[in-house]
Amino acid sequence: MHIYLSLRTCGGLEIQQHYNHIIQGVIYDSIDHELATFLHEKGYENENRKFKLFTFSRLLGRFQLNREKSTIRFIDNLQLMISSPVDYFCQSIANGMLTGVIFVLATAILKWKK
């Protein structure tokens, strides 16, 4: 299942060029606490490998790259896609995002795009 998020920044978003861990943290903060702990600490096991069974896209939107500071500044709206074959994860992320209309990504405050 794919969940597409359209986000509106309040005054833009400047974030580290390598921001995947930040997005991952927002996802873990948005899902059920027990599920987040399970995925982070253990995950789904198959033989000697562990899988989180979710993935996400890079942030999509108009941006300016600052090579000196190694940051990306998103100008206005952003899109993010989160995918997982686990229904409970998808329900949990959707519930978490819908009940938390405003959330913090790095030092920026984001709101759902209307």
PDB file of N, CA and C in Angstrom:
ATOM      1  N   MET A   1       0.851  -1.162   0.000  1.00  0.00           N
ATOM      2  CA  MET A   1       0.000   0.000   0.000  1.00  0.00           C
ATOM      3  C   MET A   1       0.904   1.234   0.000  1.00  0.00           C
ATOM      4  N   HIS A   2       0.440   2.271  -0.685  1.00  0.00           N
ATOM      5  CA  HIS A   2       1.177   3.528  -0.754  1.00  0.00           C
ATOM      6  C   HIS A   2       0.363   4.633  -0.088  1.00  0.00           C
ATOM      7  N   ILE A   3       1.013   5.449   0.689  1.00  0.00           N
ATOM      8  CA  ILE A   3       0.386   6.616   1.302  1.00  0.00           C
ATOM      9  C   ILE A   3       1.118   7.841   0.769  1.00  0.00           C
ATOM     10  N   TYR A   4       0.370   8.724   0.137  1.00  0.00           N
ATOM     11  CA  TYR A   4       0.939   9.940  -0.423  1.00  0.00           C
ATOM     12  C   TYR A   4       0.605  11.112   0.491  1.00  0.00           C
ATOM     13  N   LEU A   5       1.626  11.812   0.949  1.00  0.00           N
ATOM     14  CA  LEU A   5       1.429  12.966   1.818  1.00  0.00           C
ATOM     15  C   LEU A   5       1.765  14.229   1.047  1.00  0.00           C
ATOM     16  N   SER A   6       0.850  15.177   1.072  1.00  0.00           N
ATOM     17  CA  SER A   6       1.100  16.508   0.530  1.00  0.00           C
ATOM     18  C   SER A   6       1.206  17.450   1.707  1.00  0.00           C
ATOM     19  N   LEU A   7       2.348  18.121   1.823  1.00  0.00           N
ATOM     20  CA  LEU A   7       2.636  18.951   2.979  1.00  0.00           C
ATOM     21  C   LEU A   7       2.894  20.383   2.550  1.00  0.00           C
ATOM     22  N   ARG A   8       2.516  21.301   3.417  1.00  0.00           N
ATOM     23  CA  ARG A   8       2.750  22.725   3.194  1.00  0.00           C
ATOM     24  C   ARG A   8       3.673  23.210   4.293  1.00  0.00           C
ATOM     25  N   THR A   9       4.767  23.863   3.894  1.00  0.00           N
ATOM     26  CA  THR A   9       5.678  24.382   4.907  1.00  0.00           C
ATOM     27  C   THR A   9       5.190  25.747   5.381  1.00  0.00           C
ATOM     28  N   CYS A  10       5.504  26.063   6.582  1.00  0.00           N
ATOM     29  CA  CYS A  10       5.188  27.380   7.137  1.00  0.00           C
ATOM     30  C   CYS A  10       6.476  28.202   7.081  1.00  0.00           C
ATOM     31  N   GLY A  11       6.717  28.847   5.954  1.00  0.00           N
ATOM     32  CA  GLY A  11       7.923  29.655   5.813  1.00  0.00           C
ATOM     33  C   GLY A  11       9.091  28.916   5.204  1.00  0.00           C
ATOM     34  N   GLY A  12       8.839  27.804   4.530  1.00  0.00           N
ATOM     35  CA  GLY A  12       9.913  27.054   3.902  1.00  0.00           C
ATOM     36  C   GLY A  12      10.512  26.026   4.826  1.00  0.00           C
ATOM     37  N   LEU A  13      11.351  25.192   4.261  1.00  0.00           N
ATOM     38  CA  LEU A  13      11.998  24.131   5.012  1.00  0.00           C
ATOM     39  C   LEU A  13      13.444  24.048   4.557  1.00  0.00           C
ATOM     40  N   GLU A  14      14.373  24.226   5.474  1.00  0.00           N
ATOM     41  CA  GLU A  14      15.783  23.999   5.188  1.00  0.00           C
ATOM     42  C   GLU A  14      16.213  22.791   6.002  1.00  0.00           C
ATOM     43  N   ILE A  15      16.771  21.822   5.320  1.00  0.00           N
ATOM     44  CA  ILE A  15      17.084  20.547   5.947  1.00  0.00           C
ATOM     45  C   ILE A  15      18.437  20.058   5.431  1.00  0.00           C
ATOM     46  N   GLN A  16      19.093  19.198   6.196  1.00  0.00           N
ATOM     47  CA  GLN A  16      20.360  18.622   5.778  1.00  0.00           C
ATOM     48  C   GLN A  16      20.184  17.902   4.445  1.00  0.00           C
ATOM     49  N   GLN A  17      21.229  17.922   3.650  1.00  0.00           N
ATOM     50  CA  GLN A  17      21.168  17.262   2.348  1.00  0.00           C
ATOM     51  C   GLN A  17      20.934  15.756   2.509  1.00  0.00           C
ATOM     52  N   HIS A  18      21.459  15.173   3.549  1.00  0.00           N
ATOM     53  CA  HIS A  18      21.253  13.752   3.835  1.00  0.00           C
ATOM     54  C   HIS A  18      20.267  13.648   4.996  1.00  0.00           C
ATOM     55  N   TYR A  19      18.985  13.583   4.660  1.00  0.00           N
ATOM     56  CA  TYR A  19      17.917  13.724   5.652  1.00  0.00           C
ATOM     57  C   TYR A  19      17.116  12.450   5.880  1.00  0.00           C
ATOM     58  N   ASN A  20      17.498  11.326   5.308  1.00  0.00           N
ATOM     59  CA  ASN A  20      16.687  10.114   5.438  1.00  0.00           C
ATOM     60  C   ASN A  20      16.406   9.735   6.887  1.00  0.00           C
ATOM     61  N   HIS A  21      17.393   9.872   7.775  1.00  0.00           N
ATOM     62  CA  HIS A  21      17.178   9.515   9.182  1.00  0.00           C
ATOM     63  C   HIS A  21      16.127  10.422   9.831  1.00  0.00           C
ATOM     64  N   ILE A  22      16.010  11.645   9.357  1.00  0.00           N
ATOM     65  CA  ILE A  22      14.998  12.560   9.909  1.00  0.00           C
ATOM     66  C   ILE A  22      13.604  12.098   9.501  1.00  0.00           C
ATOM     67  N   ILE A  23      13.431  11.749   8.220  1.00  0.00           N
ATOM     68  CA  ILE A  23      12.132  11.248   7.742  1.00  0.00           C
ATOM     69  C   ILE A  23      11.780   9.957   8.469  1.00  0.00           C
ATOM     70  N   GLN A  24      12.755   9.081   8.625  1.00  0.00           N
ATOM     71  CA  GLN A  24      12.518   7.829   9.332  1.00  0.00           C
ATOM     72  C   GLN A  24      12.063   8.092  10.767  1.00  0.00           C
ATOM     73  N   GLY A  25      12.663   9.072  11.423  1.00  0.00           N
ATOM     74  CA  GLY A  25      12.252   9.433  12.780  1.00  0.00           C
ATOM     75  C   GLY A  25      10.830   9.952  12.837  1.00  0.00           C
ATOM     76  N   VAL A  26      10.439  10.763  11.862  1.00  0.00           N
ATOM     77  CA  VAL A  26       9.063  11.275  11.798  1.00  0.00           C
ATOM     78  C   VAL A  26       8.090  10.111  11.627  1.00  0.00           C
ATOM     79  N   ILE A  27       8.454   9.147  10.795  1.00  0.00           N
ATOM     80  CA  ILE A  27       7.583   7.980  10.590  1.00  0.00           C
ATOM     81  C   ILE A  27       7.443   7.193  11.889  1.00  0.00           C
ATOM     82  N   TYR A  28       8.561   6.900  12.555  1.00  0.00           N
ATOM     83  CA  TYR A  28       8.487   6.168  13.822  1.00  0.00           C
ATOM     84  C   TYR A  28       7.673   6.939  14.863  1.00  0.00           C
ATOM     85  N   ASP A  29       7.791   8.261  14.884  1.00  0.00           N
ATOM     86  CA  ASP A  29       7.023   9.068  15.841  1.00  0.00           C
ATOM     87  C   ASP A  29       5.537   9.106  15.504  1.00  0.00           C
ATOM     88  N   SER A  30       5.182   8.811  14.253  1.00  0.00           N
ATOM     89  CA  SER A  30       3.794   8.917  13.808  1.00  0.00           C
ATOM     90  C   SER A  30       3.010   7.620  13.948  1.00  0.00           C
ATOM     91  N   ILE A  31       3.696   6.512  14.150  1.00  0.00           N
ATOM     92  CA  ILE A  31       2.979   5.234  14.255  1.00  0.00           C
ATOM     93  C   ILE A  31       2.810   4.836  15.720  1.00  0.00           C
ATOM     94  N   ASP A  32       1.996   3.828  15.909  1.00  0.00           N
ATOM     95  CA  ASP A  32       1.736   3.272  17.236  1.00  0.00           C
ATOM     96  C   ASP A  32       3.062   2.968  17.935  1.00  0.00           C
ATOM     97  N   HIS A  33       3.163   3.322  19.208  1.00  0.00           N
ATOM     98  CA  HIS A  33       4.416   3.185  19.957  1.00  0.00           C
ATOM     99  C   HIS A  33       4.938   1.743  19.973  1.00  0.00           C
ATOM    100  N   GLU A  34       4.042   0.788  20.191  1.00  0.00           N
ATOM    101  CA  GLU A  34       4.474  -0.617  20.237  1.00  0.00           C
ATOM    102  C   GLU A  34       4.994  -1.081  18.880  1.00  0.00           C
ATOM    103  N   LEU A  35       4.330  -0.673  17.821  1.00  0.00           N
ATOM    104  CA  LEU A  35       4.774  -1.029  16.476  1.00  0.00           C
ATOM    105  C   LEU A  35       6.119  -0.374  16.175  1.00  0.00           C
ATOM    106  N   ALA A  36       6.274   0.884  16.552  1.00  0.00           N
ATOM    107  CA  ALA A  36       7.542   1.587  16.322  1.00  0.00           C
ATOM    108  C   ALA A  36       8.681   0.895  17.051  1.00  0.00           C
ATOM    109  N   THR A  37       8.453   0.499  18.291  1.00  0.00           N
ATOM    110  CA  THR A  37       9.478  -0.193  19.068  1.00  0.00           C
ATOM    111  C   THR A  37       9.831  -1.533  18.424  1.00  0.00           C
ATOM    112  N   PHE A  38       8.810  -2.275  18.015  1.00  0.00           N
ATOM    113  CA  PHE A  38       9.036  -3.564  17.360  1.00  0.00           C
ATOM    114  C   PHE A  38       9.863  -3.392  16.090  1.00  0.00           C
ATOM    115  N   LEU A  39       9.474  -2.459  15.228  1.00  0.00           N
ATOM    116  CA  LEU A  39      10.190  -2.268  13.967  1.00  0.00           C
ATOM    117  C   LEU A  39      11.616  -1.788  14.195  1.00  0.00           C
ATOM    118  N   HIS A  40      11.772  -0.853  15.119  1.00  0.00           N
ATOM    119  CA  HIS A  40      13.097  -0.286  15.354  1.00  0.00           C
ATOM    120  C   HIS A  40      14.040  -1.290  16.013  1.00  0.00           C
ATOM    121  N   GLU A  41      13.546  -2.006  17.007  1.00  0.00           N
ATOM    122  CA  GLU A  41      14.397  -2.902  17.783  1.00  0.00           C
ATOM    123  C   GLU A  41      14.559  -4.290  17.168  1.00  0.00           C
ATOM    124  N   LYS A  42      13.497  -4.802  16.551  1.00  0.00           N
ATOM    125  CA  LYS A  42      13.530  -6.186  16.090  1.00  0.00           C
ATOM    126  C   LYS A  42      13.246  -6.311  14.598  1.00  0.00           C
ATOM    127  N   GLY A  43      12.099  -5.863  14.146  1.00  0.00           N
ATOM    128  CA  GLY A  43      11.703  -6.016  12.742  1.00  0.00           C
ATOM    129  C   GLY A  43      11.219  -7.428  12.459  1.00  0.00           C
ATOM    130  N   TYR A  44      10.880  -7.664  11.208  1.00  0.00           N
ATOM    131  CA  TYR A  44      10.428  -8.982  10.768  1.00  0.00           C
ATOM    132  C   TYR A  44      11.662  -9.786  10.382  1.00  0.00           C
ATOM    133  N   GLU A  45      11.776 -10.995  10.938  1.00  0.00           N
ATOM    134  CA  GLU A  45      12.974 -11.794  10.714  1.00  0.00           C
ATOM    135  C   GLU A  45      12.712 -12.900   9.707  1.00  0.00           C
ATOM    136  N   ASN A  46      13.726 -13.143   8.864  1.00  0.00           N
ATOM    137  CA  ASN A  46      13.723 -14.258   7.935  1.00  0.00           C
ATOM    138  C   ASN A  46      15.152 -14.778   7.877  1.00  0.00           C
ATOM    139  N   GLU A  47      15.331 -15.977   8.398  1.00  0.00           N
ATOM    140  CA  GLU A  47      16.668 -16.549   8.555  1.00  0.00           C
ATOM    141  C   GLU A  47      17.505 -15.600   9.410  1.00  0.00           C
ATOM    142  N   ASN A  48      18.621 -15.100   8.920  1.00  0.00           N
ATOM    143  CA  ASN A  48      19.477 -14.218   9.724  1.00  0.00           C
ATOM    144  C   ASN A  48      19.292 -12.747   9.377  1.00  0.00           C
ATOM    145  N   ARG A  49      18.272 -12.427   8.641  1.00  0.00           N
ATOM    146  CA  ARG A  49      18.067 -11.030   8.216  1.00  0.00           C
ATOM    147  C   ARG A  49      16.838 -10.437   8.886  1.00  0.00           C
ATOM    148  N   LYS A  50      16.893  -9.125   9.096  1.00  0.00           N
ATOM    149  CA  LYS A  50      15.777  -8.393   9.699  1.00  0.00           C
ATOM    150  C   LYS A  50      15.277  -7.361   8.703  1.00  0.00           C
ATOM    151  N   PHE A  51      13.947  -7.228   8.608  1.00  0.00           N
ATOM    152  CA  PHE A  51      13.323  -6.318   7.668  1.00  0.00           C
ATOM    153  C   PHE A  51      12.348  -5.402   8.395  1.00  0.00           C
ATOM    154  N   LYS A  52      12.331  -4.136   8.040  1.00  0.00           N
ATOM    155  CA  LYS A  52      11.395  -3.175   8.619  1.00  0.00           C
ATOM    156  C   LYS A  52      10.079  -3.172   7.851  1.00  0.00           C
ATOM    157  N   LEU A  53      10.124  -3.570   6.596  1.00  0.00           N
ATOM    158  CA  LEU A  53       8.967  -3.683   5.701  1.00  0.00           C
ATOM    159  C   LEU A  53       8.228  -2.360   5.486  1.00  0.00           C
ATOM    160  N   PHE A  54       8.971  -1.272   5.449  1.00  0.00           N
ATOM    161  CA  PHE A  54       8.407  -0.024   4.960  1.00  0.00           C
ATOM    162  C   PHE A  54       9.518   0.744   4.268  1.00  0.00           C
ATOM    163  N   THR A  55       9.116   1.613   3.379  1.00  0.00           N
ATOM    164  CA  THR A  55      10.054   2.461   2.671  1.00  0.00           C
ATOM    165  C   THR A  55       9.399   3.814   2.425  1.00  0.00           C
ATOM    166  N   PHE A  56      10.209   4.795   2.046  1.00  0.00           N
ATOM    167  CA  PHE A  56       9.665   6.125   1.775  1.00  0.00           C
ATOM    168  C   PHE A  56      10.485   6.785   0.677  1.00  0.00           C
ATOM    169  N   SER A  57       9.855   7.718   0.016  1.00  0.00           N
ATOM    170  CA  SER A  57      10.513   8.442  -1.070  1.00  0.00           C
ATOM    171  C   SER A  57      11.355   9.572  -0.509  1.00  0.00           C
ATOM    172  N   ARG A  58      12.119  10.192  -1.365  1.00  0.00           N
ATOM    173  CA  ARG A  58      12.773  11.433  -0.974  1.00  0.00           C
ATOM    174  C   ARG A  58      11.697  12.514  -0.943  1.00  0.00           C
ATOM    175  N   LEU A  59      11.992  13.625  -0.345  1.00  0.00           N
ATOM    176  CA  LEU A  59      11.053  14.743  -0.340  1.00  0.00           C
ATOM    177  C   LEU A  59      10.997  15.332  -1.747  1.00  0.00           C
ATOM    178  N   LEU A  60       9.797  15.530  -2.229  1.00  0.00           N
ATOM    179  CA  LEU A  60       9.603  16.033  -3.587  1.00  0.00           C
ATOM    180  C   LEU A  60       9.016  17.432  -3.528  1.00  0.00           C
ATOM    181  N   GLY A  61       9.538  18.324  -4.326  1.00  0.00           N
ATOM    182  CA  GLY A  61       9.055  19.701  -4.374  1.00  0.00           C
ATOM    183  C   GLY A  61      10.143  20.614  -4.904  1.00  0.00           C
ATOM    184  N   ARG A  62       9.789  21.868  -5.111  1.00  0.00           N
ATOM    185  CA  ARG A  62      10.770  22.849  -5.577  1.00  0.00           C
ATOM    186  C   ARG A  62      11.760  23.127  -4.462  1.00  0.00           C
ATOM    187  N   PHE A  63      13.048  23.150  -4.814  1.00  0.00           N
ATOM    188  CA  PHE A  63      14.067  23.363  -3.795  1.00  0.00           C
ATOM    189  C   PHE A  63      15.266  24.099  -4.364  1.00  0.00           C
ATOM    190  N   GLN A  64      16.063  24.619  -3.446  1.00  0.00           N
ATOM    191  CA  GLN A  64      17.354  25.224  -3.768  1.00  0.00           C
ATOM    192  C   GLN A  64      18.400  24.478  -2.968  1.00  0.00           C
ATOM    193  N   LEU A  65      19.499  24.146  -3.632  1.00  0.00           N
ATOM    194  CA  LEU A  65      20.578  23.416  -2.984  1.00  0.00           C
ATOM    195  C   LEU A  65      21.672  24.389  -2.563  1.00  0.00           C
ATOM    196  N   ASN A  66      22.090  24.321  -1.300  1.00  0.00           N
ATOM    197  CA  ASN A  66      23.197  25.121  -0.800  1.00  0.00           C
ATOM    198  C   ASN A  66      24.363  24.164  -0.561  1.00  0.00           C
ATOM    199  N   ARG A  67      25.274  24.129  -1.518  1.00  0.00           N
ATOM    200  CA  ARG A  67      26.402  23.190  -1.445  1.00  0.00           C
ATOM    201  C   ARG A  67      27.367  23.529  -0.312  1.00  0.00           C
ATOM    202  N   GLU A  68      27.522  24.795  -0.004  1.00  0.00           N
ATOM    203  CA  GLU A  68      28.438  25.196   1.066  1.00  0.00           C
ATOM    204  C   GLU A  68      27.985  24.675   2.423  1.00  0.00           C
ATOM    205  N   LYS A  69      26.686  24.777   2.697  1.00  0.00           N
ATOM    206  CA  LYS A  69      26.143  24.322   3.979  1.00  0.00           C
ATOM    207  C   LYS A  69      25.645  22.876   3.935  1.00  0.00           C
ATOM    208  N   SER A  70      25.653  22.268   2.731  1.00  0.00           N
ATOM    209  CA  SER A  70      25.121  20.911   2.537  1.00  0.00           C
ATOM    210  C   SER A  70      23.666  20.813   2.993  1.00  0.00           C
ATOM    211  N   THR A  71      22.863  21.816   2.585  1.00  0.00           N
ATOM    212  CA  THR A  71      21.444  21.830   2.927  1.00  0.00           C
ATOM    213  C   THR A  71      20.593  21.966   1.677  1.00  0.00           C
ATOM    214  N   ILE A  72      19.349  21.600   1.825  1.00  0.00           N
ATOM    215  CA  ILE A  72      18.338  21.777   0.790  1.00  0.00           C
ATOM    216  C   ILE A  72      17.259  22.663   1.386  1.00  0.00           C
ATOM    217  N   ARG A  73      16.846  23.682   0.655  1.00  0.00           N
ATOM    218  CA  ARG A  73      15.755  24.558   1.097  1.00  0.00           C
ATOM    219  C   ARG A  73      14.571  24.336   0.171  1.00  0.00           C
ATOM    220  N   PHE A  74      13.502  23.767   0.737  1.00  0.00           N
ATOM    221  CA  PHE A  74      12.269  23.583  -0.015  1.00  0.00           C
ATOM    222  C   PHE A  74      11.472  24.879   0.058  1.00  0.00           C
ATOM    223  N   ILE A  75      10.977  25.317  -1.081  1.00  0.00           N
ATOM    224  CA  ILE A  75      10.392  26.645  -1.198  1.00  0.00           C
ATOM    225  C   ILE A  75       8.941  26.692  -0.697  1.00  0.00           C
ATOM    226  N   ASP A  76       8.125  25.743  -1.121  1.00  0.00           N
ATOM    227  CA  ASP A  76       6.725  25.783  -0.674  1.00  0.00           C
ATOM    228  C   ASP A  76       6.220  24.380  -0.355  1.00  0.00           C
ATOM    229  N   ASN A  77       5.452  23.773  -1.215  1.00  0.00           N
ATOM    230  CA  ASN A  77       4.813  22.494  -0.897  1.00  0.00           C
ATOM    231  C   ASN A  77       5.741  21.307  -1.129  1.00  0.00           C
ATOM    232  N   LEU A  78       5.516  20.257  -0.358  1.00  0.00           N
ATOM    233  CA  LEU A  78       6.307  19.031  -0.439  1.00  0.00           C
ATOM    234  C   LEU A  78       5.383  17.836  -0.621  1.00  0.00           C
ATOM    235  N   GLN A  79       5.936  16.792  -1.185  1.00  0.00           N
ATOM    236  CA  GLN A  79       5.236  15.516  -1.257  1.00  0.00           C
ATOM    237  C   GLN A  79       6.177  14.441  -0.740  1.00  0.00           C
ATOM    238  N   LEU A  80       5.571  13.428  -0.107  1.00  0.00           N
ATOM    239  CA  LEU A  80       6.304  12.284   0.413  1.00  0.00           C
ATOM    240  C   LEU A  80       5.431  11.056   0.236  1.00  0.00           C
ATOM    241  N   MET A  81       6.015   9.945  -0.231  1.00  0.00           N
ATOM    242  CA  MET A  81       5.279   8.696  -0.356  1.00  0.00           C
ATOM    243  C   MET A  81       5.877   7.686   0.623  1.00  0.00           C
ATOM    244  N   ILE A  82       5.008   7.030   1.365  1.00  0.00           N
ATOM    245  CA  ILE A  82       5.413   5.977   2.300  1.00  0.00           C
ATOM    246  C   ILE A  82       4.722   4.697   1.839  1.00  0.00           C
ATOM    247  N   SER A  83       5.472   3.601   1.769  1.00  0.00           N
ATOM    248  CA  SER A  83       4.932   2.327   1.273  1.00  0.00           C
ATOM    249  C   SER A  83       5.246   1.194   2.230  1.00  0.00           C
ATOM    250  N   SER A  84       4.311   0.231   2.304  1.00  0.00           N
ATOM    251  CA  SER A  84       4.528  -0.964   3.111  1.00  0.00           C
ATOM    252  C   SER A  84       3.530  -2.040   2.693  1.00  0.00           C
ATOM    253  N   PRO A  85       3.926  -3.308   2.730  1.00  0.00           N
ATOM    254  CA  PRO A  85       2.968  -4.385   2.488  1.00  0.00           C
ATOM    255  C   PRO A  85       2.185  -4.760   3.757  1.00  0.00           C
ATOM    256  N   VAL A  86       2.536  -4.151   4.880  1.00  0.00           N
ATOM    257  CA  VAL A  86       1.910  -4.479   6.169  1.00  0.00           C
ATOM    258  C   VAL A  86       0.737  -3.530   6.414  1.00  0.00           C
ATOM    259  N   ASP A  87      -0.471  -4.074   6.378  1.00  0.00           N
ATOM    260  CA  ASP A  87      -1.678  -3.259   6.533  1.00  0.00           C
ATOM    261  C   ASP A  87      -1.697  -2.489   7.852  1.00  0.00           C
ATOM    262  N   TYR A  88      -1.294  -3.155   8.947  1.00  0.00           N
ATOM    263  CA  TYR A  88      -1.326  -2.485  10.249  1.00  0.00           C
ATOM    264  C   TYR A  88      -0.405  -1.271  10.275  1.00  0.00           C
ATOM    265  N   PHE A  89       0.756  -1.379   9.643  1.00  0.00           N
ATOM    266  CA  PHE A  89       1.664  -0.234   9.552  1.00  0.00           C
ATOM    267  C   PHE A  89       0.997   0.913   8.801  1.00  0.00           C
ATOM    268  N   CYS A  90       0.367   0.604   7.662  1.00  0.00           N
ATOM    269  CA  CYS A  90      -0.281   1.648   6.850  1.00  0.00           C
ATOM    270  C   CYS A  90      -1.422   2.321   7.609  1.00  0.00           C
ATOM    271  N   GLN A  91      -2.202   1.534   8.312  1.00  0.00           N
ATOM    272  CA  GLN A  91      -3.280   2.097   9.124  1.00  0.00           C
ATOM    273  C   GLN A  91      -2.720   2.972  10.230  1.00  0.00           C
ATOM    274  N   SER A  92      -1.663   2.521  10.858  1.00  0.00           N
ATOM    275  CA  SER A  92      -1.065   3.263  11.960  1.00  0.00           C
ATOM    276  C   SER A  92      -0.472   4.586  11.485  1.00  0.00           C
ATOM    277  N   ILE A  93       0.243   4.579  10.360  1.00  0.00           N
ATOM    278  CA  ILE A  93       0.842   5.820   9.852  1.00  0.00           C
ATOM    279  C   ILE A  93      -0.253   6.779   9.407  1.00  0.00           C
ATOM    280  N   ALA A  94      -1.292   6.262   8.772  1.00  0.00           N
ATOM    281  CA  ALA A  94      -2.396   7.130   8.339  1.00  0.00           C
ATOM    282  C   ALA A  94      -3.088   7.748   9.551  1.00  0.00           C
ATOM    283  N   ASN A  95      -3.378   6.956  10.572  1.00  0.00           N
ATOM    284  CA  ASN A  95      -4.004   7.481  11.788  1.00  0.00           C
ATOM    285  C   ASN A  95      -3.113   8.503  12.468  1.00  0.00           C
ATOM    286  N   GLY A  96      -1.830   8.192  12.566  1.00  0.00           N
ATOM    287  CA  GLY A  96      -0.900   9.117  13.209  1.00  0.00           C
ATOM    288  C   GLY A  96      -0.799  10.444  12.476  1.00  0.00           C
ATOM    289  N   MET A  97      -0.762  10.397  11.165  1.00  0.00           N
ATOM    290  CA  MET A  97      -0.677  11.633  10.377  1.00  0.00           C
ATOM    291  C   MET A  97      -1.987  12.410  10.423  1.00  0.00           C
ATOM    292  N   LEU A  98      -3.100  11.705  10.383  1.00  0.00           N
ATOM    293  CA  LEU A  98      -4.389  12.395  10.377  1.00  0.00           C
ATOM    294  C   LEU A  98      -4.718  13.035  11.718  1.00  0.00           C
ATOM    295  N   THR A  99      -4.298  12.422  12.803  1.00  0.00           N
ATOM    296  CA  THR A  99      -4.580  13.007  14.110  1.00  0.00           C
ATOM    297  C   THR A  99      -3.564  14.077  14.475  1.00  0.00           C
ATOM    298  N   GLY A 100      -2.399  14.054  13.855  1.00  0.00           N
ATOM    299  CA  GLY A 100      -1.377  15.064  14.088  1.00  0.00           C
ATOM    300  C   GLY A 100      -1.283  15.986  12.886  1.00  0.00           C
ATOM    301  N   VAL A 101      -2.227  16.898  12.748  1.00  0.00           N
ATOM    302  CA  VAL A 101      -2.299  17.766  11.574  1.00  0.00           C
ATOM    303  C   VAL A 101      -1.019  18.580  11.402  1.00  0.00           C
ATOM    304  N   ILE A 102      -0.361  18.884  12.481  1.00  0.00           N
ATOM    305  CA  ILE A 102       0.903  19.623  12.426  1.00  0.00           C
ATOM    306  C   ILE A 102       1.984  18.728  13.018  1.00  0.00           C
ATOM    307  N   PHE A 103       3.122  18.629  12.353  1.00  0.00           N
ATOM    308  CA  PHE A 103       4.233  17.898  12.936  1.00  0.00           C
ATOM    309  C   PHE A 103       5.534  18.598  12.593  1.00  0.00           C
ATOM    310  N   VAL A 104       6.564  18.265  13.323  1.00  0.00           N
ATOM    311  CA  VAL A 104       7.852  18.937  13.171  1.00  0.00           C
ATOM    312  C   VAL A 104       8.801  18.027  12.406  1.00  0.00           C
ATOM    313  N   LEU A 105       9.415  18.580  11.376  1.00  0.00           N
ATOM    314  CA  LEU A 105      10.411  17.878  10.585  1.00  0.00           C
ATOM    315  C   LEU A 105      11.672  18.710  10.660  1.00  0.00           C
ATOM    316  N   ALA A 106      12.687  18.165  11.334  1.00  0.00           N
ATOM    317  CA  ALA A 106      13.922  18.919  11.600  1.00  0.00           C
ATOM    318  C   ALA A 106      13.522  20.120  12.453  1.00  0.00           C
ATOM    319  N   THR A 107      13.746  21.332  11.973  1.00  0.00           N
ATOM    320  CA  THR A 107      13.375  22.521  12.736  1.00  0.00           C
ATOM    321  C   THR A 107      12.201  23.234  12.121  1.00  0.00           C
ATOM    322  N   ALA A 108      11.579  22.634  11.121  1.00  0.00           N
ATOM    323  CA  ALA A 108      10.445  23.273  10.429  1.00  0.00           C
ATOM    324  C   ALA A 108       9.131  22.681  10.932  1.00  0.00           C
ATOM    325  N   ILE A 109       8.092  23.476  10.878  1.00  0.00           N
ATOM    326  CA  ILE A 109       6.755  23.017  11.199  1.00  0.00           C
ATOM    327  C   ILE A 109       6.018  22.844   9.883  1.00  0.00           C
ATOM    328  N   LEU A 110       5.429  21.657   9.686  1.00  0.00           N
ATOM    329  CA  LEU A 110       4.718  21.357   8.452  1.00  0.00           C
ATOM    330  C   LEU A 110       3.244  21.159   8.735  1.00  0.00           C
ATOM    331  N   LYS A 111       2.422  21.554   7.793  1.00  0.00           N
ATOM    332  CA  LYS A 111       0.982  21.358   7.899  1.00  0.00           C
ATOM    333  C   LYS A 111       0.513  20.629   6.642  1.00  0.00           C
ATOM    334  N   TRP A 112      -0.640  19.955   6.781  1.00  0.00           N
ATOM    335  CA  TRP A 112      -1.219  19.321   5.613  1.00  0.00           C
ATOM    336  C   TRP A 112      -1.579  20.395   4.596  1.00  0.00           C
ATOM    337  N   LYS A 113      -1.345  20.113   3.342  1.00  0.00           N
ATOM    338  CA  LYS A 113      -1.699  21.028   2.253  1.00  0.00           C
ATOM    339  C   LYS A 113      -3.213  20.977   2.080  1.00  0.00           C
ATOM    340  N   LYS A 114      -3.811  22.146   1.974  1.00  0.00           N
ATOM    341  CA  LYS A 114      -5.269  22.210   1.770  1.00  0.00           C
ATOM    342  C   LYS A 114      -5.605  22.431   0.320  1.00  0.00           C
TER     343      LYS A 114
END
